[in-house]
């Protein structure tokens, strides 16, 4: 579905405040992946003023969930347009419906899922500590976001765990220590890709 392009896709999941963004930036810098955020792509589409963007904006204003197919189309287009063949998809799939739709539409199954595991107490402490006028960083909203993550995203992690595709990181440790664990996971990929031994996407039978 991505033409002749062989791509490696890694899903990056973790609760709000687990440090996904920081570590994605490190992975991009050290291992040459392209970081795709579903939320950023939706916001960019809205900002573009396209017909699709207007539809997305209206759905969000009405409190509706943007259909999986819309988000997946944006992710797919971003992967096709980008010259890279290694992608971190951050904060997606958010739920089982997202996951099934992504694999069905793109015919891509992730090489693995990078899961930043962090206690709610630690994530809460971090989010409150960075509160710089962000409306979503108050106790009540933070705890609601935690509940949504547990209810929606953990089934995705369980699905891939059953396929032995989840790499769990203890995200409560200091940032440099977390990245050491991340580097250990990505090192084989960097080595293989350096030798031009491209890792093709793992396809489910």
N, C-alpha and C. Protein backbone atom coordinates (compact mmCIF):
# COMPACT_ATOMS: atom_id res chain seq x y z
N UNK A 1 0.83 -1.21 0.00
CA UNK A 1 0.00 0.00 0.00
C UNK A 1 0.87 1.27 0.00
N UNK A 2 2.18 1.11 0.28
CA UNK A 2 3.06 2.26 0.25
C UNK A 2 3.98 2.19 -0.97
N UNK A 3 3.42 1.69 -2.04
CA UNK A 3 4.18 1.56 -3.27
C UNK A 3 5.28 0.51 -3.13
N UNK A 4 6.46 0.83 -3.64
CA UNK A 4 7.59 -0.10 -3.56
C UNK A 4 8.39 0.12 -2.29
N UNK A 5 7.89 0.97 -1.45
CA UNK A 5 8.66 1.39 -0.28
C UNK A 5 8.52 0.39 0.87
N UNK A 6 9.65 -0.13 1.33
CA UNK A 6 9.65 -0.98 2.53
C UNK A 6 9.79 -0.05 3.73
N UNK A 7 8.88 -0.14 4.67
CA UNK A 7 8.96 0.75 5.83
C UNK A 7 8.99 -0.04 7.13
N UNK A 8 9.68 0.55 8.10
CA UNK A 8 9.68 0.03 9.47
C UNK A 8 8.86 0.99 10.30
N UNK A 9 7.83 0.47 10.94
CA UNK A 9 6.96 1.29 11.78
C UNK A 9 7.05 0.82 13.23
N UNK A 10 7.27 1.78 14.12
CA UNK A 10 7.28 1.50 15.56
C UNK A 10 6.20 2.37 16.20
N UNK A 11 5.25 1.75 16.86
CA UNK A 11 4.24 2.51 17.62
C UNK A 11 4.85 2.90 18.96
N UNK A 12 4.65 4.16 19.37
CA UNK A 12 5.15 4.63 20.67
C UNK A 12 3.96 4.98 21.54
N UNK A 13 3.80 4.22 22.63
CA UNK A 13 2.65 4.42 23.51
C UNK A 13 3.11 4.64 24.95
N UNK A 14 2.31 5.38 25.69
CA UNK A 14 2.60 5.66 27.10
C UNK A 14 1.62 6.71 27.57
N UNK A 15 1.37 6.73 28.84
CA UNK A 15 0.40 7.68 29.40
C UNK A 15 0.89 9.12 29.29
N UNK A 16 -0.01 10.09 29.53
CA UNK A 16 0.40 11.50 29.50
C UNK A 16 1.44 11.77 30.59
N UNK A 17 2.57 12.35 30.18
CA UNK A 17 3.63 12.62 31.15
C UNK A 17 4.64 11.50 31.28
N UNK A 18 4.54 10.47 30.42
CA UNK A 18 5.47 9.34 30.50
C UNK A 18 6.80 9.64 29.82
N UNK A 19 6.89 10.76 29.12
CA UNK A 19 8.16 11.16 28.49
C UNK A 19 8.33 10.71 27.06
N UNK A 20 7.22 10.35 26.40
CA UNK A 20 7.28 9.87 25.01
C UNK A 20 7.95 10.89 24.08
N UNK A 21 7.51 12.15 24.18
CA UNK A 21 8.00 13.18 23.27
C UNK A 21 9.50 13.38 23.38
N UNK A 22 10.00 13.43 24.60
CA UNK A 22 11.44 13.61 24.84
C UNK A 22 12.23 12.46 24.23
N UNK A 23 11.78 11.24 24.46
CA UNK A 23 12.51 10.07 23.97
C UNK A 23 12.39 9.92 22.45
N UNK A 24 11.23 10.30 21.89
CA UNK A 24 11.08 10.26 20.43
C UNK A 24 12.11 11.18 19.78
N UNK A 25 12.32 12.36 20.38
CA UNK A 25 13.30 13.30 19.85
C UNK A 25 14.70 12.69 19.88
N UNK A 26 15.02 11.96 20.96
CA UNK A 26 16.32 11.29 21.08
C UNK A 26 16.48 10.19 20.02
N UNK A 27 15.41 9.43 19.78
CA UNK A 27 15.45 8.35 18.79
C UNK A 27 15.66 8.92 17.39
N UNK A 28 14.97 10.02 17.10
CA UNK A 28 15.11 10.68 15.79
C UNK A 28 16.57 11.11 15.60
N UNK A 29 17.15 11.72 16.63
CA UNK A 29 18.51 12.25 16.54
C UNK A 29 19.56 11.13 16.40
N UNK A 30 19.38 10.05 17.17
CA UNK A 30 20.41 9.01 17.22
C UNK A 30 20.21 7.87 16.22
N UNK A 31 18.97 7.63 15.82
CA UNK A 31 18.72 6.45 14.99
C UNK A 31 18.06 6.78 13.64
N UNK A 32 17.84 8.07 13.38
CA UNK A 32 17.38 8.47 12.05
C UNK A 32 15.94 8.15 11.71
N UNK A 33 15.12 7.91 12.72
CA UNK A 33 13.70 7.69 12.46
C UNK A 33 13.01 9.03 12.21
N UNK A 34 11.88 8.98 11.52
CA UNK A 34 11.01 10.16 11.38
C UNK A 34 9.88 10.01 12.39
N UNK A 35 9.64 11.08 13.15
CA UNK A 35 8.63 11.07 14.20
C UNK A 35 7.30 11.59 13.65
N UNK A 36 6.29 10.76 13.67
CA UNK A 36 4.95 11.18 13.23
C UNK A 36 4.00 11.17 14.42
N UNK A 37 3.40 12.31 14.70
CA UNK A 37 2.41 12.41 15.76
C UNK A 37 1.04 12.58 15.12
N UNK A 38 0.13 11.66 15.45
CA UNK A 38 -1.23 11.73 14.89
C UNK A 38 -1.87 13.07 15.22
N UNK A 39 -1.70 13.53 16.45
CA UNK A 39 -2.28 14.81 16.87
C UNK A 39 -1.73 15.98 16.07
N UNK A 40 -0.41 15.97 15.85
CA UNK A 40 0.21 17.06 15.09
C UNK A 40 -0.28 17.07 13.64
N UNK A 41 -0.44 15.88 13.06
CA UNK A 41 -0.92 15.79 11.67
C UNK A 41 -2.35 16.32 11.55
N UNK A 42 -3.18 16.00 12.53
CA UNK A 42 -4.57 16.50 12.52
C UNK A 42 -4.58 18.03 12.65
N UNK A 43 -3.75 18.54 13.57
CA UNK A 43 -3.69 19.99 13.77
C UNK A 43 -3.18 20.70 12.50
N UNK A 44 -2.19 20.10 11.85
CA UNK A 44 -1.64 20.69 10.63
C UNK A 44 -2.68 20.70 9.51
N UNK A 45 -3.48 19.65 9.45
CA UNK A 45 -4.53 19.57 8.43
C UNK A 45 -5.59 20.65 8.67
N UNK A 46 -5.95 20.87 9.94
CA UNK A 46 -6.91 21.92 10.29
C UNK A 46 -6.35 23.29 9.88
N UNK A 47 -5.07 23.51 10.20
CA UNK A 47 -4.42 24.79 9.92
C UNK A 47 -4.32 25.05 8.42
N UNK A 48 -4.26 23.99 7.62
CA UNK A 48 -4.11 24.14 6.17
C UNK A 48 -5.36 24.76 5.53
N UNK A 49 -6.50 24.67 6.25
CA UNK A 49 -7.74 25.25 5.73
C UNK A 49 -8.39 24.40 4.65
N UNK A 50 -7.92 23.16 4.47
CA UNK A 50 -8.51 22.27 3.46
C UNK A 50 -9.91 21.85 3.87
N UNK A 51 -10.63 21.30 2.92
CA UNK A 51 -11.99 20.81 3.20
C UNK A 51 -11.94 19.72 4.27
N UNK A 52 -10.93 18.85 4.16
CA UNK A 52 -10.73 17.79 5.13
C UNK A 52 -10.44 18.38 6.51
N UNK A 53 -9.61 19.44 6.54
CA UNK A 53 -9.25 20.11 7.79
C UNK A 53 -10.46 20.73 8.47
N UNK A 54 -11.34 21.34 7.67
CA UNK A 54 -12.56 21.95 8.21
C UNK A 54 -13.47 20.88 8.84
N UNK A 55 -13.55 19.73 8.18
CA UNK A 55 -14.36 18.62 8.69
C UNK A 55 -13.80 18.13 10.03
N UNK A 56 -12.47 18.01 10.10
CA UNK A 56 -11.82 17.55 11.34
C UNK A 56 -12.07 18.56 12.46
N UNK A 57 -11.91 19.85 12.14
CA UNK A 57 -12.10 20.90 13.15
C UNK A 57 -13.53 20.89 13.69
N UNK A 58 -14.50 20.74 12.81
CA UNK A 58 -15.90 20.71 13.23
C UNK A 58 -16.19 19.52 14.14
N UNK A 59 -15.60 18.37 13.80
CA UNK A 59 -15.81 17.17 14.61
C UNK A 59 -15.25 17.36 16.02
N UNK A 60 -14.05 17.94 16.09
CA UNK A 60 -13.42 18.17 17.39
C UNK A 60 -14.23 19.16 18.21
N UNK A 61 -14.71 20.23 17.55
CA UNK A 61 -15.53 21.24 18.25
C UNK A 61 -16.79 20.62 18.82
N UNK A 62 -17.35 19.65 18.09
CA UNK A 62 -18.59 19.00 18.54
C UNK A 62 -18.32 17.87 19.55
N UNK A 63 -17.04 17.69 19.90
CA UNK A 63 -16.68 16.66 20.87
C UNK A 63 -16.71 15.26 20.30
N UNK A 64 -16.70 15.17 18.98
CA UNK A 64 -16.73 13.85 18.34
C UNK A 64 -15.30 13.35 18.10
N UNK A 65 -15.15 12.03 18.02
CA UNK A 65 -13.84 11.45 17.75
C UNK A 65 -13.63 11.41 16.24
N UNK A 66 -12.48 11.89 15.81
CA UNK A 66 -12.16 11.86 14.37
C UNK A 66 -12.06 10.39 13.94
N UNK A 67 -12.74 10.00 12.85
CA UNK A 67 -12.71 8.59 12.43
C UNK A 67 -11.29 8.09 12.18
N UNK A 68 -11.04 6.84 12.52
CA UNK A 68 -9.71 6.24 12.34
C UNK A 68 -9.20 6.43 10.93
N UNK A 69 -10.10 6.24 9.95
CA UNK A 69 -9.68 6.29 8.55
C UNK A 69 -9.07 7.64 8.19
N UNK A 70 -9.59 8.72 8.80
CA UNK A 70 -9.08 10.07 8.51
C UNK A 70 -7.65 10.21 9.02
N UNK A 71 -7.43 9.79 10.28
CA UNK A 71 -6.10 9.87 10.88
C UNK A 71 -5.12 8.97 10.13
N UNK A 72 -5.57 7.76 9.79
CA UNK A 72 -4.70 6.80 9.10
C UNK A 72 -4.30 7.33 7.72
N UNK A 73 -5.24 7.98 7.04
CA UNK A 73 -4.93 8.54 5.72
C UNK A 73 -3.82 9.58 5.83
N UNK A 74 -3.89 10.42 6.89
CA UNK A 74 -2.86 11.44 7.09
C UNK A 74 -1.51 10.80 7.40
N UNK A 75 -1.51 9.74 8.24
CA UNK A 75 -0.27 9.04 8.57
C UNK A 75 0.33 8.39 7.32
N UNK A 76 -0.54 7.77 6.54
CA UNK A 76 -0.09 7.07 5.32
C UNK A 76 0.52 8.06 4.33
N UNK A 77 -0.15 9.20 4.12
CA UNK A 77 0.35 10.23 3.20
C UNK A 77 1.70 10.76 3.67
N UNK A 78 1.82 10.95 5.00
CA UNK A 78 3.08 11.47 5.56
C UNK A 78 4.21 10.48 5.33
N UNK A 79 3.94 9.19 5.45
CA UNK A 79 4.98 8.17 5.23
C UNK A 79 5.38 8.08 3.76
N UNK A 80 4.39 8.22 2.87
CA UNK A 80 4.68 8.14 1.43
C UNK A 80 5.51 9.35 0.98
N UNK A 81 5.13 10.54 1.47
CA UNK A 81 5.82 11.78 1.07
C UNK A 81 7.24 11.85 1.61
N UNK A 82 7.45 11.27 2.79
CA UNK A 82 8.76 11.36 3.45
C UNK A 82 9.76 10.41 2.79
N UNK A 83 10.98 10.87 2.61
CA UNK A 83 12.00 10.04 1.96
C UNK A 83 12.50 8.93 2.88
N UNK A 84 12.28 9.09 4.17
CA UNK A 84 12.75 8.09 5.13
C UNK A 84 11.92 6.81 5.03
N UNK A 85 12.44 5.72 5.60
CA UNK A 85 11.67 4.47 5.61
C UNK A 85 11.53 3.91 7.03
N UNK A 86 11.89 4.74 8.03
CA UNK A 86 11.78 4.34 9.44
C UNK A 86 10.92 5.37 10.17
N UNK A 87 9.82 4.92 10.75
CA UNK A 87 8.87 5.87 11.34
C UNK A 87 8.49 5.49 12.78
N UNK A 88 8.49 6.50 13.63
CA UNK A 88 7.92 6.38 14.98
C UNK A 88 6.52 6.98 14.89
N UNK A 89 5.51 6.21 15.21
CA UNK A 89 4.14 6.76 15.24
C UNK A 89 3.75 6.91 16.70
N UNK A 90 3.62 8.16 17.10
CA UNK A 90 3.48 8.53 18.51
C UNK A 90 2.01 8.76 18.88
N UNK A 91 1.57 8.10 19.97
CA UNK A 91 0.22 8.33 20.47
C UNK A 91 -0.87 7.72 19.62
N UNK A 92 -0.51 6.77 18.79
CA UNK A 92 -1.47 6.08 17.92
C UNK A 92 -0.94 4.67 17.74
N UNK A 93 -1.80 3.65 17.73
CA UNK A 93 -3.26 3.68 17.87
C UNK A 93 -3.69 3.93 19.32
N UNK A 94 -4.74 4.74 19.46
CA UNK A 94 -5.25 5.07 20.79
C UNK A 94 -6.15 3.98 21.35
N UNK A 95 -6.69 3.16 20.47
CA UNK A 95 -7.60 2.09 20.93
C UNK A 95 -7.56 0.93 19.93
N UNK A 96 -8.28 -0.12 20.26
CA UNK A 96 -8.29 -1.32 19.43
C UNK A 96 -8.85 -1.05 18.03
N UNK A 97 -9.86 -0.17 17.96
CA UNK A 97 -10.47 0.15 16.66
C UNK A 97 -9.43 0.83 15.76
N UNK A 98 -8.66 1.77 16.33
CA UNK A 98 -7.57 2.43 15.60
C UNK A 98 -6.58 1.39 15.08
N UNK A 99 -6.20 0.47 15.96
CA UNK A 99 -5.18 -0.53 15.62
C UNK A 99 -5.63 -1.41 14.46
N UNK A 100 -6.85 -1.93 14.59
CA UNK A 100 -7.37 -2.82 13.54
C UNK A 100 -7.51 -2.08 12.22
N UNK A 101 -7.98 -0.84 12.27
CA UNK A 101 -8.16 -0.05 11.05
C UNK A 101 -6.81 0.25 10.40
N UNK A 102 -5.81 0.58 11.20
CA UNK A 102 -4.48 0.89 10.66
C UNK A 102 -3.92 -0.31 9.90
N UNK A 103 -3.97 -1.48 10.52
CA UNK A 103 -3.42 -2.68 9.89
C UNK A 103 -4.24 -3.06 8.65
N UNK A 104 -5.54 -2.85 8.71
CA UNK A 104 -6.42 -3.19 7.59
C UNK A 104 -6.18 -2.26 6.39
N UNK A 105 -6.07 -0.96 6.67
CA UNK A 105 -5.92 0.03 5.59
C UNK A 105 -4.51 0.02 4.99
N UNK A 106 -3.48 -0.02 5.86
CA UNK A 106 -2.10 0.09 5.35
C UNK A 106 -1.46 -1.26 5.07
N UNK A 107 -2.04 -2.32 5.62
CA UNK A 107 -1.46 -3.68 5.53
C UNK A 107 -0.10 -3.73 6.24
N UNK A 108 0.10 -2.79 7.17
CA UNK A 108 1.36 -2.73 7.92
C UNK A 108 1.10 -3.14 9.37
N UNK A 109 1.96 -4.00 9.86
CA UNK A 109 1.96 -4.33 11.29
C UNK A 109 3.27 -3.77 11.85
N UNK A 110 3.25 -3.18 13.04
CA UNK A 110 4.48 -2.57 13.54
C UNK A 110 5.57 -3.59 13.80
N UNK A 111 6.83 -3.16 13.65
CA UNK A 111 7.96 -4.01 13.99
C UNK A 111 7.88 -4.34 15.48
N UNK A 112 7.54 -3.31 16.26
CA UNK A 112 7.28 -3.51 17.69
C UNK A 112 6.59 -2.27 18.25
N UNK A 113 6.13 -2.38 19.50
CA UNK A 113 5.51 -1.26 20.20
C UNK A 113 6.44 -0.86 21.34
N UNK A 114 6.84 0.40 21.37
CA UNK A 114 7.66 0.92 22.45
C UNK A 114 6.71 1.49 23.50
N UNK A 115 6.67 0.85 24.67
CA UNK A 115 5.70 1.24 25.70
C UNK A 115 6.42 1.86 26.88
N UNK A 116 6.17 3.14 27.12
CA UNK A 116 6.76 3.84 28.25
C UNK A 116 5.86 3.65 29.47
N UNK A 117 6.30 2.77 30.35
CA UNK A 117 5.52 2.40 31.52
C UNK A 117 5.90 3.29 32.69
N UNK A 118 4.92 4.00 33.23
CA UNK A 118 5.20 4.96 34.31
C UNK A 118 3.99 5.01 35.24
N UNK A 119 4.25 5.11 36.55
CA UNK A 119 3.14 5.14 37.50
C UNK A 119 2.35 6.44 37.34
N UNK A 120 1.06 6.37 37.69
CA UNK A 120 0.22 7.57 37.59
C UNK A 120 0.73 8.67 38.51
N UNK A 121 1.26 8.27 39.68
CA UNK A 121 1.78 9.26 40.64
C UNK A 121 2.92 10.07 40.01
N UNK A 122 3.83 9.36 39.34
CA UNK A 122 4.97 10.05 38.73
C UNK A 122 4.52 10.91 37.56
N UNK A 123 3.61 10.39 36.71
CA UNK A 123 3.13 11.18 35.57
C UNK A 123 2.39 12.42 36.05
N UNK A 124 1.61 12.27 37.11
CA UNK A 124 0.87 13.40 37.67
C UNK A 124 1.85 14.47 38.17
N UNK A 125 2.90 14.02 38.86
CA UNK A 125 3.89 14.95 39.39
C UNK A 125 4.56 15.74 38.25
N UNK A 126 4.89 15.03 37.17
CA UNK A 126 5.54 15.68 36.03
C UNK A 126 4.62 16.69 35.35
N UNK A 127 3.37 16.27 35.13
CA UNK A 127 2.43 17.15 34.42
C UNK A 127 2.12 18.41 35.22
N UNK A 128 1.97 18.26 36.52
CA UNK A 128 1.69 19.43 37.36
C UNK A 128 2.93 20.32 37.43
N UNK A 129 4.10 19.70 37.39
CA UNK A 129 5.35 20.45 37.46
C UNK A 129 5.60 21.30 36.23
N UNK A 130 5.08 20.86 35.08
CA UNK A 130 5.32 21.61 33.83
C UNK A 130 4.16 22.55 33.52
N UNK A 131 3.21 22.67 34.44
CA UNK A 131 2.01 23.46 34.17
C UNK A 131 2.39 24.92 33.91
N UNK A 132 2.31 25.29 32.65
CA UNK A 132 2.63 26.67 32.27
C UNK A 132 1.43 27.26 31.55
N UNK A 133 0.29 27.21 32.24
CA UNK A 133 -0.91 27.78 31.65
C UNK A 133 -1.64 26.83 30.72
N UNK A 134 -1.17 25.57 30.67
CA UNK A 134 -1.88 24.60 29.82
C UNK A 134 -3.18 24.21 30.51
N UNK A 135 -4.29 24.37 29.80
CA UNK A 135 -5.59 24.12 30.42
C UNK A 135 -5.79 22.64 30.75
N UNK A 136 -5.06 21.75 30.04
CA UNK A 136 -5.29 20.33 30.29
C UNK A 136 -4.40 19.79 31.41
N UNK A 137 -3.60 20.68 32.03
CA UNK A 137 -2.72 20.21 33.10
C UNK A 137 -3.23 20.61 34.49
N UNK A 138 -4.44 20.18 34.82
CA UNK A 138 -4.91 20.32 36.19
C UNK A 138 -5.30 18.92 36.66
N UNK A 139 -5.36 18.76 38.00
CA UNK A 139 -5.54 17.42 38.59
C UNK A 139 -6.71 16.65 37.98
N UNK A 140 -7.86 17.29 37.90
CA UNK A 140 -9.07 16.60 37.44
C UNK A 140 -8.91 16.13 35.98
N UNK A 141 -8.42 17.03 35.14
CA UNK A 141 -8.25 16.69 33.73
C UNK A 141 -7.16 15.63 33.54
N UNK A 142 -6.09 15.76 34.31
CA UNK A 142 -4.99 14.79 34.22
C UNK A 142 -5.49 13.39 34.56
N UNK A 143 -6.25 13.28 35.63
CA UNK A 143 -6.73 11.95 36.05
C UNK A 143 -7.72 11.37 35.04
N UNK A 144 -8.48 12.25 34.39
CA UNK A 144 -9.39 11.79 33.35
C UNK A 144 -8.59 11.24 32.17
N UNK A 145 -7.50 11.93 31.83
CA UNK A 145 -6.64 11.47 30.73
C UNK A 145 -6.00 10.12 31.07
N UNK A 146 -5.64 9.93 32.33
CA UNK A 146 -5.09 8.63 32.75
C UNK A 146 -6.11 7.52 32.53
N UNK A 147 -7.35 7.80 32.94
CA UNK A 147 -8.42 6.78 32.82
C UNK A 147 -8.65 6.42 31.35
N UNK A 148 -8.67 7.43 30.49
CA UNK A 148 -8.87 7.21 29.06
C UNK A 148 -7.73 6.34 28.51
N UNK A 149 -6.51 6.64 28.94
CA UNK A 149 -5.36 5.86 28.46
C UNK A 149 -5.48 4.40 28.88
N UNK A 150 -5.80 4.18 30.16
CA UNK A 150 -5.90 2.81 30.66
C UNK A 150 -7.00 2.04 29.94
N UNK A 151 -8.17 2.67 29.79
CA UNK A 151 -9.32 1.99 29.18
C UNK A 151 -9.13 1.75 27.69
N UNK A 152 -8.50 2.71 27.00
CA UNK A 152 -8.41 2.62 25.53
C UNK A 152 -7.12 1.99 25.02
N UNK A 153 -5.99 2.45 25.58
CA UNK A 153 -4.70 2.06 25.01
C UNK A 153 -4.15 0.75 25.55
N UNK A 154 -4.45 0.41 26.81
CA UNK A 154 -3.89 -0.83 27.35
C UNK A 154 -4.33 -2.07 26.56
N UNK A 155 -5.58 -2.14 26.05
CA UNK A 155 -5.94 -3.30 25.22
C UNK A 155 -5.06 -3.43 23.97
N UNK A 156 -4.60 -2.29 23.42
CA UNK A 156 -3.70 -2.32 22.26
C UNK A 156 -2.37 -2.95 22.67
N UNK A 157 -1.87 -2.52 23.83
CA UNK A 157 -0.60 -3.06 24.34
C UNK A 157 -0.73 -4.56 24.62
N UNK A 158 -1.87 -4.95 25.17
CA UNK A 158 -2.11 -6.38 25.45
C UNK A 158 -2.15 -7.19 24.15
N UNK A 159 -2.76 -6.63 23.10
CA UNK A 159 -2.84 -7.30 21.80
C UNK A 159 -1.44 -7.61 21.26
N UNK A 160 -0.58 -6.59 21.29
CA UNK A 160 0.77 -6.78 20.76
C UNK A 160 1.67 -7.58 21.71
N UNK A 161 1.36 -7.53 23.00
CA UNK A 161 2.10 -8.36 23.97
C UNK A 161 1.91 -9.84 23.64
N UNK A 162 0.68 -10.18 23.26
CA UNK A 162 0.38 -11.57 22.91
C UNK A 162 1.16 -12.02 21.69
N UNK A 163 1.59 -11.06 20.86
CA UNK A 163 2.39 -11.37 19.66
C UNK A 163 3.88 -11.17 19.94
N UNK A 164 4.22 -10.92 21.20
CA UNK A 164 5.61 -10.70 21.61
C UNK A 164 6.23 -9.51 20.88
N UNK A 165 5.43 -8.45 20.75
CA UNK A 165 5.90 -7.27 20.02
C UNK A 165 5.98 -6.01 20.89
N UNK A 166 5.91 -6.18 22.21
CA UNK A 166 5.96 -5.00 23.08
C UNK A 166 7.31 -4.92 23.78
N UNK A 167 7.97 -3.76 23.65
CA UNK A 167 9.22 -3.50 24.37
C UNK A 167 8.88 -2.49 25.46
N UNK A 168 8.87 -2.96 26.70
CA UNK A 168 8.45 -2.08 27.80
C UNK A 168 9.65 -1.39 28.43
N UNK A 169 9.50 -0.09 28.64
CA UNK A 169 10.55 0.74 29.21
C UNK A 169 10.08 1.26 30.57
N UNK A 170 10.94 1.22 31.57
CA UNK A 170 10.62 1.82 32.86
C UNK A 170 10.85 3.33 32.72
N UNK A 171 9.75 4.06 32.49
CA UNK A 171 9.85 5.49 32.17
C UNK A 171 9.91 6.38 33.41
N UNK A 172 9.92 5.77 34.60
CA UNK A 172 9.97 6.56 35.84
C UNK A 172 11.40 6.99 36.16
N UNK A 173 12.36 6.38 35.49
CA UNK A 173 13.77 6.69 35.75
C UNK A 173 14.13 8.05 35.14
N UNK A 174 15.29 8.61 35.52
CA UNK A 174 15.73 9.88 34.92
C UNK A 174 15.88 9.74 33.40
N UNK A 175 15.68 10.84 32.67
CA UNK A 175 15.68 10.83 31.21
C UNK A 175 16.91 10.13 30.59
N UNK A 176 18.15 10.42 31.06
CA UNK A 176 19.31 9.76 30.44
C UNK A 176 19.29 8.25 30.63
N UNK A 177 18.82 7.79 31.79
CA UNK A 177 18.75 6.34 32.05
C UNK A 177 17.67 5.68 31.18
N UNK A 178 16.57 6.39 31.00
CA UNK A 178 15.50 5.86 30.13
C UNK A 178 16.05 5.70 28.71
N UNK A 179 16.81 6.70 28.26
CA UNK A 179 17.32 6.63 26.88
C UNK A 179 18.35 5.51 26.72
N UNK A 180 19.09 5.19 27.76
CA UNK A 180 20.02 4.04 27.68
C UNK A 180 19.23 2.77 27.39
N UNK A 181 18.08 2.61 28.03
CA UNK A 181 17.22 1.44 27.78
C UNK A 181 16.67 1.46 26.35
N UNK A 182 16.30 2.67 25.91
CA UNK A 182 15.78 2.83 24.54
C UNK A 182 16.85 2.46 23.52
N UNK A 183 18.08 2.94 23.76
CA UNK A 183 19.20 2.66 22.84
C UNK A 183 19.44 1.16 22.71
N UNK A 184 19.31 0.43 23.81
CA UNK A 184 19.53 -1.02 23.77
C UNK A 184 18.51 -1.70 22.86
N UNK A 185 17.30 -1.15 22.82
CA UNK A 185 16.24 -1.72 21.97
C UNK A 185 16.48 -1.39 20.50
N UNK A 186 16.90 -0.15 20.23
CA UNK A 186 17.04 0.30 18.84
C UNK A 186 18.39 -0.05 18.21
N UNK A 187 19.37 -0.40 19.02
CA UNK A 187 20.71 -0.67 18.49
C UNK A 187 20.74 -1.68 17.34
N UNK A 188 20.06 -2.83 17.44
CA UNK A 188 20.10 -3.79 16.32
C UNK A 188 19.53 -3.22 15.03
N UNK A 189 18.51 -2.36 15.15
CA UNK A 189 17.90 -1.76 13.97
C UNK A 189 18.88 -0.80 13.31
N UNK A 190 19.56 -0.02 14.12
CA UNK A 190 20.52 0.94 13.58
C UNK A 190 21.63 0.21 12.85
N UNK A 191 22.12 -0.88 13.43
CA UNK A 191 23.22 -1.64 12.84
C UNK A 191 22.78 -2.25 11.50
N UNK A 192 21.61 -2.87 11.50
CA UNK A 192 21.12 -3.52 10.27
C UNK A 192 20.89 -2.49 9.17
N UNK A 193 20.32 -1.35 9.55
CA UNK A 193 20.02 -0.34 8.55
C UNK A 193 21.29 0.33 8.04
N UNK A 194 22.30 0.41 8.92
CA UNK A 194 23.58 1.00 8.53
C UNK A 194 24.23 0.15 7.43
N UNK A 195 24.00 -1.15 7.50
CA UNK A 195 24.57 -2.05 6.51
C UNK A 195 23.69 -2.14 5.25
N UNK A 196 22.67 -1.29 5.17
CA UNK A 196 21.72 -1.31 4.06
C UNK A 196 20.94 -2.62 4.00
N UNK A 197 20.90 -3.29 5.15
CA UNK A 197 20.12 -4.51 5.23
C UNK A 197 18.74 -4.10 5.74
N UNK A 198 17.94 -3.52 4.86
CA UNK A 198 16.69 -2.90 5.28
C UNK A 198 15.73 -3.92 5.90
N UNK A 199 15.17 -3.51 7.01
CA UNK A 199 14.22 -4.36 7.72
C UNK A 199 12.84 -4.12 7.14
N UNK A 200 12.28 -5.11 6.52
CA UNK A 200 10.95 -4.93 5.95
C UNK A 200 9.91 -5.04 7.05
N UNK A 201 8.76 -4.49 6.78
CA UNK A 201 7.67 -4.50 7.76
C UNK A 201 7.24 -5.94 8.04
N UNK A 202 7.01 -6.21 9.31
CA UNK A 202 6.54 -7.55 9.68
C UNK A 202 5.07 -7.64 9.32
N UNK A 203 4.74 -8.60 8.51
CA UNK A 203 3.35 -8.76 8.09
C UNK A 203 2.70 -9.92 8.83
N UNK A 204 1.50 -9.70 9.28
CA UNK A 204 0.77 -10.78 9.93
C UNK A 204 0.34 -11.77 8.86
N UNK A 205 0.38 -13.08 9.17
CA UNK A 205 -0.05 -14.07 8.17
C UNK A 205 -1.55 -13.96 7.90
